[in-house]
Amino acid sequence: MFQECPICKGNGNITVSDSINYVNSTCPTCNGTRIISALTGLPPASSKKEETVDKCSADCVCDGSCQPTEWMGMRNREDFSNFLNQLFKA
């Protein structure tokens, strides 16, 4: 049995403020799910929010982390270093 989160009042977000700024933040009690267990006070386990990763550019290989691939004929750090040296050579 679940109930509306009493901290965020079912909004999923809270406003945190210091003396100058107001910042919206995910509710730490319900983790943004808007509800908590009436028995344990915890958010539902199956509603855990997962971070999504935006698709990276075509110059990256996405497997959870982006690793740069060939860019303008440069395949490694040495190629890139040589490119920068030629670019900034007076």
Protein backbone atom coordinates (compact mmCIF):
# COMPACT_ATOMS: atom_id res chain seq x y z
CA MET A 1 0.00 0.00 0.00
CA PHE A 2 1.40 3.37 -1.03
CA GLN A 3 0.67 6.92 -0.09
CA GLU A 4 1.47 10.35 -1.48
CA CYS A 5 4.92 11.50 -0.40
CA PRO A 6 4.42 13.91 2.49
CA ILE A 7 7.70 15.75 1.82
CA CYS A 8 7.05 16.82 -1.78
CA LYS A 9 3.25 16.50 -1.49
CA GLY A 10 3.19 14.12 -4.45
CA ASN A 11 5.10 16.47 -6.75
CA GLY A 12 8.34 14.47 -6.96
CA ASN A 13 10.43 17.64 -6.55
CA ILE A 14 11.25 19.95 -3.68
CA THR A 15 12.51 23.51 -3.65
CA VAL A 16 15.76 23.93 -1.77
CA SER A 17 16.82 27.44 -0.86
CA ASP A 18 19.65 29.25 0.78
CA SER A 19 19.50 32.93 1.63
CA ILE A 20 19.81 33.92 -2.05
CA ASN A 21 18.80 31.13 -4.47
CA TYR A 22 15.92 28.71 -4.95
CA VAL A 23 16.71 25.42 -6.68
CA ASN A 24 14.33 22.61 -7.65
CA SER A 25 15.65 19.18 -6.72
CA THR A 26 14.39 15.60 -6.82
CA CYS A 27 12.68 14.70 -3.58
CA PRO A 28 15.11 12.67 -1.45
CA THR A 29 12.30 10.77 0.27
CA CYS A 30 10.44 9.39 -2.75
CA ASN A 31 13.30 9.76 -5.28
CA GLY A 32 10.93 11.54 -7.64
CA THR A 33 8.37 8.70 -7.71
CA ARG A 34 5.79 10.86 -5.87
CA ILE A 35 4.74 7.97 -3.63
CA ILE A 36 6.17 6.05 -0.68
CA SER A 37 5.22 2.84 1.11
CA ALA A 38 2.78 3.41 3.94
CA LEU A 39 4.60 0.67 5.89
CA THR A 40 8.28 1.44 5.31
CA GLY A 41 8.29 5.05 4.11
CA LEU A 42 10.42 4.01 1.11
CA PRO A 43 9.67 4.59 -2.57
CA PRO A 44 8.59 1.60 -4.67
CA ALA A 45 11.57 -0.54 -5.65
CA SER A 46 10.35 -1.12 -9.20
CA SER A 47 9.97 2.60 -9.88
CA LYS A 48 13.65 3.38 -9.50
CA LYS A 49 14.54 6.24 -11.82
CA GLU A 50 17.31 5.43 -14.26
CA GLU A 51 19.53 8.03 -15.81
CA THR A 52 19.32 8.14 -19.55
CA VAL A 53 22.23 8.95 -21.76
CA ASP A 54 21.70 11.09 -24.82
CA LYS A 55 22.96 9.63 -28.05
CA CYS A 56 26.44 10.82 -28.73
CA SER A 57 27.72 12.07 -32.04
CA ALA A 58 28.66 9.82 -34.94
CA ASP A 59 32.31 10.24 -33.94
CA CYS A 60 31.79 8.17 -30.79
CA VAL A 61 31.10 4.52 -30.05
CA CYS A 62 28.43 4.22 -27.37
CA ASP A 63 28.56 1.24 -25.05
CA GLY A 64 27.62 3.01 -21.84
CA SER A 65 30.60 5.33 -22.18
CA CYS A 66 31.80 7.19 -25.21
CA GLN A 67 35.20 6.48 -26.64
CA PRO A 68 36.37 8.79 -29.41
CA THR A 69 37.05 7.12 -32.72
CA GLU A 70 38.77 8.42 -35.80
CA TRP A 71 38.37 12.14 -36.33
CA MET A 72 39.76 13.87 -39.40
CA GLY A 73 42.19 11.01 -40.00
CA MET A 74 43.50 11.01 -36.43
CA ARG A 75 43.25 7.68 -34.66
CA ASN A 76 45.26 8.26 -31.52
CA ARG A 77 46.65 10.86 -29.18
CA GLU A 78 49.92 11.13 -31.10
CA ASP A 79 48.11 11.95 -34.35
CA PHE A 80 46.08 14.60 -32.55
CA SER A 81 49.18 16.05 -30.91
CA ASN A 82 50.89 16.30 -34.30
CA PHE A 83 47.82 17.99 -35.73
CA LEU A 84 47.83 20.59 -32.96
CA ASN A 85 51.54 21.22 -33.37
CA GLN A 86 51.08 21.85 -37.10
CA LEU A 87 48.04 24.01 -36.48
CA PHE A 88 49.74 26.30 -33.99
CA LYS A 89 53.14 26.36 -35.66
CA ALA A 90 53.93 29.95 -36.54
